[in-house]
Amino acid sequence: MKQRIEELVEKLKSDKELQEGFLKDPIPTLEKLLGVDLPEEQLKQIAEGVKAKINLDKAGDFIGGLLGKK
């Protein structure tokens, strides 16, 4: 599932419209990206994983920026 989450994050990063859709209503956006109908509980878990990965990436970018400015 980790690899799938990373793939979804990359798709979201590359498409501003998908990002906005994910922020507004993550479950339908994930269904659209995945192209399969999964139980809502699984979609919620994937959505949380995607959100966590995005937040980690943002934190890494921020820290990298701080370290690069030394």
C-alpha atoms as a PDB file:
ATOM      1  CA  MET A   1       0.000   0.000   0.000  1.00  0.00           C
ATOM      2  CA  LYS A   2       2.944   2.338   0.679  1.00  0.00           C
ATOM      3  CA  GLN A   3       3.980   2.289  -2.986  1.00  0.00           C
ATOM      4  CA  ARG A   4       0.402   2.992  -4.085  1.00  0.00           C
ATOM      5  CA  ILE A   5       0.195   5.966  -1.705  1.00  0.00           C
ATOM      6  CA  GLU A   6       3.439   7.356  -3.119  1.00  0.00           C
ATOM      7  CA  GLU A   7       2.047   6.996  -6.655  1.00  0.00           C
ATOM      8  CA  LEU A   8      -1.113   8.853  -5.651  1.00  0.00           C
ATOM      9  CA  VAL A   9       0.905  11.634  -4.019  1.00  0.00           C
ATOM     10  CA  GLU A  10       2.930  12.076  -7.213  1.00  0.00           C
ATOM     11  CA  LYS A  11      -0.256  12.288  -9.283  1.00  0.00           C
ATOM     12  CA  LEU A  12      -1.704  14.860  -6.887  1.00  0.00           C
ATOM     13  CA  LYS A  13       1.495  16.921  -6.915  1.00  0.00           C
ATOM     14  CA  SER A  14       1.474  17.079 -10.700  1.00  0.00           C
ATOM     15  CA  ASP A  15      -2.173  18.147 -11.099  1.00  0.00           C
ATOM     16  CA  LYS A  16      -3.463  21.289  -9.378  1.00  0.00           C
ATOM     17  CA  GLU A  17      -7.097  20.368 -10.097  1.00  0.00           C
ATOM     18  CA  LEU A  18      -6.691  16.973  -8.441  1.00  0.00           C
ATOM     19  CA  GLN A  19      -5.006  18.622  -5.450  1.00  0.00           C
ATOM     20  CA  GLU A  20      -7.961  20.942  -4.988  1.00  0.00           C
ATOM     21  CA  GLY A  21     -10.393  18.046  -5.352  1.00  0.00           C
ATOM     22  CA  PHE A  22      -8.469  15.998  -2.803  1.00  0.00           C
ATOM     23  CA  LEU A  23      -8.448  18.868  -0.307  1.00  0.00           C
ATOM     24  CA  LYS A  24     -12.188  19.461  -0.741  1.00  0.00           C
ATOM     25  CA  ASP A  25     -13.375  15.861  -0.874  1.00  0.00           C
ATOM     26  CA  PRO A  26     -10.616  13.238  -0.707  1.00  0.00           C
ATOM     27  CA  ILE A  27     -12.692  10.046  -1.036  1.00  0.00           C
ATOM     28  CA  PRO A  28     -14.262  10.729  -4.472  1.00  0.00           C
ATOM     29  CA  THR A  29     -10.942  12.087  -5.734  1.00  0.00           C
ATOM     30  CA  LEU A  30      -9.152   8.901  -4.678  1.00  0.00           C
ATOM     31  CA  GLU A  31     -11.854   6.768  -6.297  1.00  0.00           C
ATOM     32  CA  LYS A  32     -11.298   8.702  -9.517  1.00  0.00           C
ATOM     33  CA  LEU A  33      -7.516   8.298  -9.319  1.00  0.00           C
ATOM     34  CA  LEU A  34      -7.642   4.620  -8.411  1.00  0.00           C
ATOM     35  CA  GLY A  35     -10.265   3.748 -10.991  1.00  0.00           C
ATOM     36  CA  VAL A  36     -11.740   1.093  -8.708  1.00  0.00           C
ATOM     37  CA  ASP A  37     -14.566   0.992  -6.226  1.00  0.00           C
ATOM     38  CA  LEU A  38     -13.175   0.201  -2.778  1.00  0.00           C
ATOM     39  CA  PRO A  39     -14.966   0.079   0.557  1.00  0.00           C
ATOM     40  CA  GLU A  40     -15.086   3.514   2.182  1.00  0.00           C
ATOM     41  CA  GLU A  41     -13.002   2.318   5.146  1.00  0.00           C
ATOM     42  CA  GLN A  42     -10.136   1.371   2.816  1.00  0.00           C
ATOM     43  CA  LEU A  43     -10.431   4.693   1.004  1.00  0.00           C
ATOM     44  CA  LYS A  44     -10.265   6.530   4.336  1.00  0.00           C
ATOM     45  CA  GLN A  45      -7.059   4.676   5.213  1.00  0.00           C
ATOM     46  CA  ILE A  46      -5.535   5.521   1.850  1.00  0.00           C
ATOM     47  CA  ALA A  47      -6.616   9.170   2.195  1.00  0.00           C
ATOM     48  CA  GLU A  48      -4.941   9.384   5.606  1.00  0.00           C
ATOM     49  CA  GLY A  49      -1.791   7.816   4.188  1.00  0.00           C
ATOM     50  CA  VAL A  50      -1.732  10.293   1.298  1.00  0.00           C
ATOM     51  CA  LYS A  51      -2.268  13.238   3.660  1.00  0.00           C
ATOM     52  CA  ALA A  52       0.533  12.017   5.923  1.00  0.00           C
ATOM     53  CA  LYS A  53       2.921  11.591   2.973  1.00  0.00           C
ATOM     54  CA  ILE A  54       2.099  15.062   1.640  1.00  0.00           C
ATOM     55  CA  ASN A  55       2.704  16.573   5.077  1.00  0.00           C
ATOM     56  CA  LEU A  56       6.023  14.720   5.405  1.00  0.00           C
ATOM     57  CA  ASP A  57       7.103  15.916   1.984  1.00  0.00           C
ATOM     58  CA  LYS A  58       6.205  19.511   2.860  1.00  0.00           C
ATOM     59  CA  ALA A  59       8.106  19.269   6.142  1.00  0.00           C
ATOM     60  CA  GLY A  60      11.116  17.820   4.323  1.00  0.00           C
ATOM     61  CA  ASP A  61      11.039  20.632   1.765  1.00  0.00           C
ATOM     62  CA  PHE A  62      10.828  23.212   4.543  1.00  0.00           C
ATOM     63  CA  ILE A  63      13.708  21.684   6.508  1.00  0.00           C
ATOM     64  CA  GLY A  64      15.757  21.292   3.352  1.00  0.00           C
ATOM     65  CA  GLY A  65      15.198  24.958   2.594  1.00  0.00           C
ATOM     66  CA  LEU A  66      16.329  25.939   6.060  1.00  0.00           C
ATOM     67  CA  LEU A  67      19.440  23.783   5.864  1.00  0.00           C
ATOM     68  CA  GLY A  68      20.266  25.092   2.402  1.00  0.00           C
ATOM     69  CA  LYS A  69      20.257  28.681   3.685  1.00  0.00           C
ATOM     70  CA  LYS A  70      23.093  28.169   6.172  1.00  0.00           C
END
